[in-house]
N, C-alpha and C. Protein backbone atom coordinates (compact mmCIF):
# COMPACT_ATOMS: atom_id res chain seq x y z
N UNK A 1 0.82 -0.91 0.13
CA UNK A 1 0.23 0.03 -0.25
C UNK A 1 1.15 1.08 0.16
N UNK A 2 0.99 2.21 -0.69
CA UNK A 2 1.49 3.28 -0.94
C UNK A 2 0.62 4.53 0.13
N UNK A 3 1.42 4.78 1.13
CA UNK A 3 0.94 5.51 1.94
C UNK A 3 0.81 7.12 1.22
N UNK A 4 2.19 7.58 0.48
CA UNK A 4 2.07 8.91 -0.18
C UNK A 4 0.43 9.00 -0.83
N UNK A 5 0.24 8.24 -1.54
CA UNK A 5 -1.09 7.94 -2.53
C UNK A 5 -2.24 8.13 -1.79
N UNK A 6 -2.24 7.48 -0.42
CA UNK A 6 -3.15 7.03 0.40
C UNK A 6 -3.33 9.24 1.00
N UNK A 7 -2.35 9.58 1.13
CA UNK A 7 -2.07 10.90 2.08
C UNK A 7 -3.05 11.70 1.02
N UNK A 8 -2.52 11.78 -0.04
CA UNK A 8 -3.02 12.67 -1.42
C UNK A 8 -4.52 12.03 -1.01
N UNK A 9 -5.21 11.23 -1.86
CA UNK A 9 -6.09 11.21 -1.98
C UNK A 9 -7.24 11.46 -0.56
N UNK A 10 -6.61 10.95 0.51
CA UNK A 10 -7.38 11.79 1.64
C UNK A 10 -7.71 12.78 1.73
N UNK A 11 -6.33 13.80 1.78
CA UNK A 11 -6.69 15.45 1.35
C UNK A 11 -7.15 16.15 0.56
N UNK A 12 -7.58 15.41 -0.33
CA UNK A 12 -8.22 15.94 -1.48
C UNK A 12 -9.58 15.52 -0.77
N UNK A 13 -10.37 14.63 -0.55
CA UNK A 13 -11.25 13.76 -0.47
C UNK A 13 -12.05 15.01 1.30
N UNK A 14 -10.81 14.84 1.92
CA UNK A 14 -11.21 15.42 3.59
C UNK A 14 -11.52 17.26 3.18
N UNK A 15 -11.59 17.92 2.58
CA UNK A 15 -10.64 19.24 2.35
C UNK A 15 -11.52 20.26 3.54
N UNK A 16 -12.51 19.72 4.60
CA UNK A 16 -12.69 20.69 5.20
C UNK A 16 -11.74 20.93 6.59
N UNK A 17 -11.40 22.54 6.56
CA UNK A 17 -10.66 22.96 7.56
C UNK A 17 -10.99 22.83 8.91
N UNK A 18 -12.09 21.95 9.49
CA UNK A 18 -12.37 22.69 10.31
C UNK A 18 -12.32 20.66 11.41
N UNK A 19 -11.73 19.97 10.34
CA UNK A 19 -12.37 18.64 10.51
C UNK A 19 -10.11 17.86 10.58
N UNK A 20 -9.82 17.06 11.28
CA UNK A 20 -8.69 16.46 11.31
C UNK A 20 -8.80 15.22 10.64
N UNK A 21 -8.08 14.29 10.81
CA UNK A 21 -7.89 12.86 10.20
C UNK A 21 -6.83 12.46 10.70
N UNK A 22 -6.86 10.98 10.79
CA UNK A 22 -5.71 10.27 11.17
C UNK A 22 -5.74 9.08 10.16
N UNK A 23 -4.49 8.41 9.54
CA UNK A 23 -4.11 8.04 8.38
C UNK A 23 -3.41 6.78 9.47
N UNK A 24 -4.10 5.41 9.32
CA UNK A 24 -3.79 4.33 10.20
C UNK A 24 -2.82 3.45 9.15
N UNK A 25 -2.13 2.40 9.33
CA UNK A 25 -1.12 1.60 9.09
C UNK A 25 -1.91 0.72 7.57
N UNK A 26 -3.04 0.16 7.99
CA UNK A 26 -3.47 -0.36 6.56
C UNK A 26 -4.23 0.56 6.20
N UNK A 27 -4.45 1.66 5.58
CA UNK A 27 -5.42 2.56 5.57
C UNK A 27 -6.71 2.75 5.65
N UNK A 28 -6.63 2.46 7.46
CA UNK A 28 -7.99 3.09 7.94
C UNK A 28 -7.60 4.35 7.96
N UNK A 29 -8.99 5.18 8.02
CA UNK A 29 -8.70 6.75 8.25
C UNK A 29 -9.57 7.58 9.05
N UNK A 30 -9.40 7.78 10.30
CA UNK A 30 -10.64 8.11 11.11
C UNK A 30 -10.76 9.60 10.77
N UNK A 31 -11.54 10.51 10.44
CA UNK A 31 -12.26 11.73 11.01
C UNK A 31 -12.17 12.20 12.19
N UNK A 32 -11.45 13.56 12.94
CA UNK A 32 -11.90 13.63 13.67
C UNK A 32 -12.78 15.42 13.34
N UNK A 33 -14.01 14.96 14.04
CA UNK A 33 -14.68 16.60 13.99
C UNK A 33 -14.49 17.67 15.11
N UNK A 34 -14.40 16.93 16.15
CA UNK A 34 -13.93 18.24 17.31
C UNK A 34 -12.18 17.82 17.20
N UNK A 35 -11.31 17.80 16.54
CA UNK A 35 -9.98 17.68 17.08
C UNK A 35 -9.01 18.50 18.29
N UNK A 36 -8.46 17.59 18.95
CA UNK A 36 -8.21 18.29 20.38
C UNK A 36 -6.87 17.73 21.03
N UNK A 37 -5.76 17.87 21.36
CA UNK A 37 -5.38 17.24 21.90
C UNK A 37 -3.96 16.36 21.23
N UNK A 38 -3.74 15.34 21.50
CA UNK A 38 -2.71 14.73 20.35
C UNK A 38 -3.94 13.69 19.40
N UNK A 39 -3.77 14.23 18.27
CA UNK A 39 -4.61 13.42 17.47
C UNK A 39 -4.76 11.96 16.76
N UNK A 40 -3.66 10.88 16.87
CA UNK A 40 -3.70 10.11 16.78
C UNK A 40 -4.19 9.18 18.47
N UNK A 41 -3.83 9.83 19.23
CA UNK A 41 -4.86 8.82 20.20
C UNK A 41 -5.73 9.25 20.90
N UNK A 42 -6.38 10.45 20.39
CA UNK A 42 -7.68 10.66 20.08
C UNK A 42 -8.60 9.90 19.05
N UNK A 43 -7.95 9.11 17.81
CA UNK A 43 -8.68 8.56 16.73
C UNK A 43 -8.39 7.26 17.26
N UNK A 44 -7.47 6.58 18.37
CA UNK A 44 -7.35 5.19 18.32
C UNK A 44 -8.13 5.05 19.74
N UNK A 45 -8.96 6.06 20.20
CA UNK A 45 -9.82 5.98 21.44
C UNK A 45 -10.92 5.62 20.47
N UNK A 46 -11.41 6.23 19.70
CA UNK A 46 -12.57 6.23 19.03
C UNK A 46 -12.87 4.90 18.12
N UNK A 47 -11.22 4.39 17.79
CA UNK A 47 -11.35 2.78 17.25
C UNK A 47 -11.68 1.58 18.27
N UNK A 48 -11.31 1.96 19.81
CA UNK A 48 -11.40 1.58 20.68
C UNK A 48 -12.50 0.84 21.23
N UNK A 49 -13.35 2.52 21.17
CA UNK A 49 -14.92 2.57 21.68
C UNK A 49 -15.81 1.84 20.80
N UNK A 50 -16.11 2.16 19.50
CA UNK A 50 -16.44 1.56 17.87
C UNK A 50 -16.44 -0.45 17.48
N UNK A 51 -15.05 -0.78 17.89
CA UNK A 51 -14.50 -2.07 16.89
C UNK A 51 -14.67 -2.99 18.60
N UNK A 52 -14.14 -4.61 18.07
CA UNK A 52 -14.01 -4.75 16.46
C UNK A 52 -15.06 -4.87 16.22
N UNK A 53 -14.95 -5.03 14.68
CA UNK A 53 -16.55 -5.34 14.36
C UNK A 53 -16.60 -7.28 14.42
N UNK A 54 -18.01 -7.68 14.67
CA UNK A 54 -18.04 -8.55 14.60
C UNK A 54 -19.48 -9.27 13.55
N UNK A 55 -18.95 -10.04 12.88
CA UNK A 55 -20.35 -10.90 11.98
C UNK A 55 -21.46 -11.00 12.53
N UNK A 56 -22.72 -10.00 12.22
CA UNK A 56 -23.86 -10.08 12.50
C UNK A 56 -24.23 -9.18 13.57
N UNK A 57 -23.22 -8.28 13.74
CA UNK A 57 -23.65 -7.38 14.80
C UNK A 57 -23.73 -5.99 14.16
N UNK A 58 -24.03 -4.67 13.86
CA UNK A 58 -24.24 -3.93 13.59
C UNK A 58 -23.54 -2.89 13.49
N UNK A 59 -21.94 -3.22 14.28
CA UNK A 59 -20.48 -3.09 13.59
C UNK A 59 -19.83 -3.69 12.46
N UNK A 60 -20.35 -5.06 12.62
CA UNK A 60 -19.91 -5.97 11.25
C UNK A 60 -20.19 -5.04 9.58
N UNK A 61 -21.46 -4.03 10.17
CA UNK A 61 -22.23 -3.76 8.54
C UNK A 61 -21.18 -2.86 7.91
N UNK A 62 -21.32 -3.05 6.34
CA UNK A 62 -20.46 -1.90 5.82
C UNK A 62 -21.26 -1.18 5.04
N UNK A 63 -20.35 -0.57 3.84
CA UNK A 63 -21.05 -0.08 2.63
C UNK A 63 -20.49 0.44 2.06
N UNK A 64 -20.33 0.87 0.44
CA UNK A 64 -18.88 1.26 -0.67
C UNK A 64 -19.58 2.48 -0.81
N UNK A 65 -18.73 3.48 -0.91
CA UNK A 65 -19.13 4.52 -1.86
C UNK A 65 -17.70 4.96 -2.62
N UNK A 66 -19.23 4.57 -4.51
CA UNK A 66 -17.62 4.92 -5.35
C UNK A 66 -17.43 6.36 -5.96
N UNK A 67 -16.51 6.68 -5.57
CA UNK A 67 -15.73 8.40 -5.47
C UNK A 67 -15.62 8.82 -6.74
N UNK A 68 -15.88 9.90 -6.83
CA UNK A 68 -16.09 10.60 -8.25
C UNK A 68 -14.82 11.89 -8.83
N UNK A 69 -14.39 11.96 -7.74
CA UNK A 69 -13.11 12.78 -7.80
C UNK A 69 -11.72 12.01 -7.86
N UNK A 70 -11.80 11.05 -7.25
CA UNK A 70 -10.61 10.07 -7.05
C UNK A 70 -10.55 8.75 -7.74
N UNK A 71 -9.86 8.23 -8.14
CA UNK A 71 -10.27 6.45 -8.45
C UNK A 71 -10.24 5.63 -7.04
N UNK A 72 -11.14 4.76 -7.26
CA UNK A 72 -11.17 4.27 -6.04
C UNK A 72 -12.73 4.06 -5.12
N UNK A 73 -12.98 3.54 -4.36
CA UNK A 73 -13.99 3.41 -3.50
C UNK A 73 -13.68 3.66 -2.04
N UNK A 74 -14.61 3.72 -1.00
CA UNK A 74 -14.43 4.36 0.54
C UNK A 74 -15.50 3.25 0.96
N UNK A 75 -14.89 2.75 2.02
CA UNK A 75 -16.05 1.40 2.33
C UNK A 75 -15.92 1.97 3.64
N UNK A 76 -16.93 2.01 4.42
CA UNK A 76 -17.80 3.01 5.77
C UNK A 76 -18.60 2.03 5.98
N UNK A 77 -18.53 1.94 7.49
CA UNK A 77 -18.77 1.15 8.75
C UNK A 77 -19.50 1.80 9.10
N UNK A 78 -19.88 0.87 10.93
CA UNK A 78 -20.55 1.44 12.21
C UNK A 78 -20.40 2.81 12.22
N UNK A 79 -19.28 3.70 12.13
CA UNK A 79 -19.35 4.79 13.07
C UNK A 79 -18.34 5.86 11.87
N UNK A 80 -19.60 6.85 11.44
CA UNK A 80 -19.56 7.87 10.07
C UNK A 80 -17.86 8.13 9.99
N UNK A 81 -17.09 8.42 10.95
CA UNK A 81 -16.06 9.02 11.04
C UNK A 81 -15.07 7.94 10.74
N UNK A 82 -15.34 6.57 10.39
CA UNK A 82 -13.76 5.49 10.54
C UNK A 82 -13.88 4.75 9.52
N UNK A 83 -13.11 5.60 7.55
CA UNK A 83 -13.56 5.10 6.62
C UNK A 83 -12.07 3.83 6.04
N UNK A 84 -12.29 3.33 5.38
CA UNK A 84 -11.48 2.74 4.64
C UNK A 84 -11.46 2.94 3.01
C-alpha cells in the first residue's frame, strides 16, 4: 500500500479545514470532527470504542461509496467517521 498516494487521496477528499484526520497503517482513516490534543490518541480511542467488528452485529455492517473525484472506493462502517 502506497502511503503517499493514500495521503494525497484523503487530503483531496477531506478538505474541510475544521476537521482533522489520522491515517493508520493499513489504510483506515479516522476523521476527527472535534480535534483536540493528541490526534492519534483521539483516533485510537474512537477505534477502541467502536471496534472490533463482529459478523452479525451492527458493527459488522459496511457500505461502499464509489468516488467521483478520485479513483477508488471508500468503505464505510458502524461509525461515520471511520473509513477505509
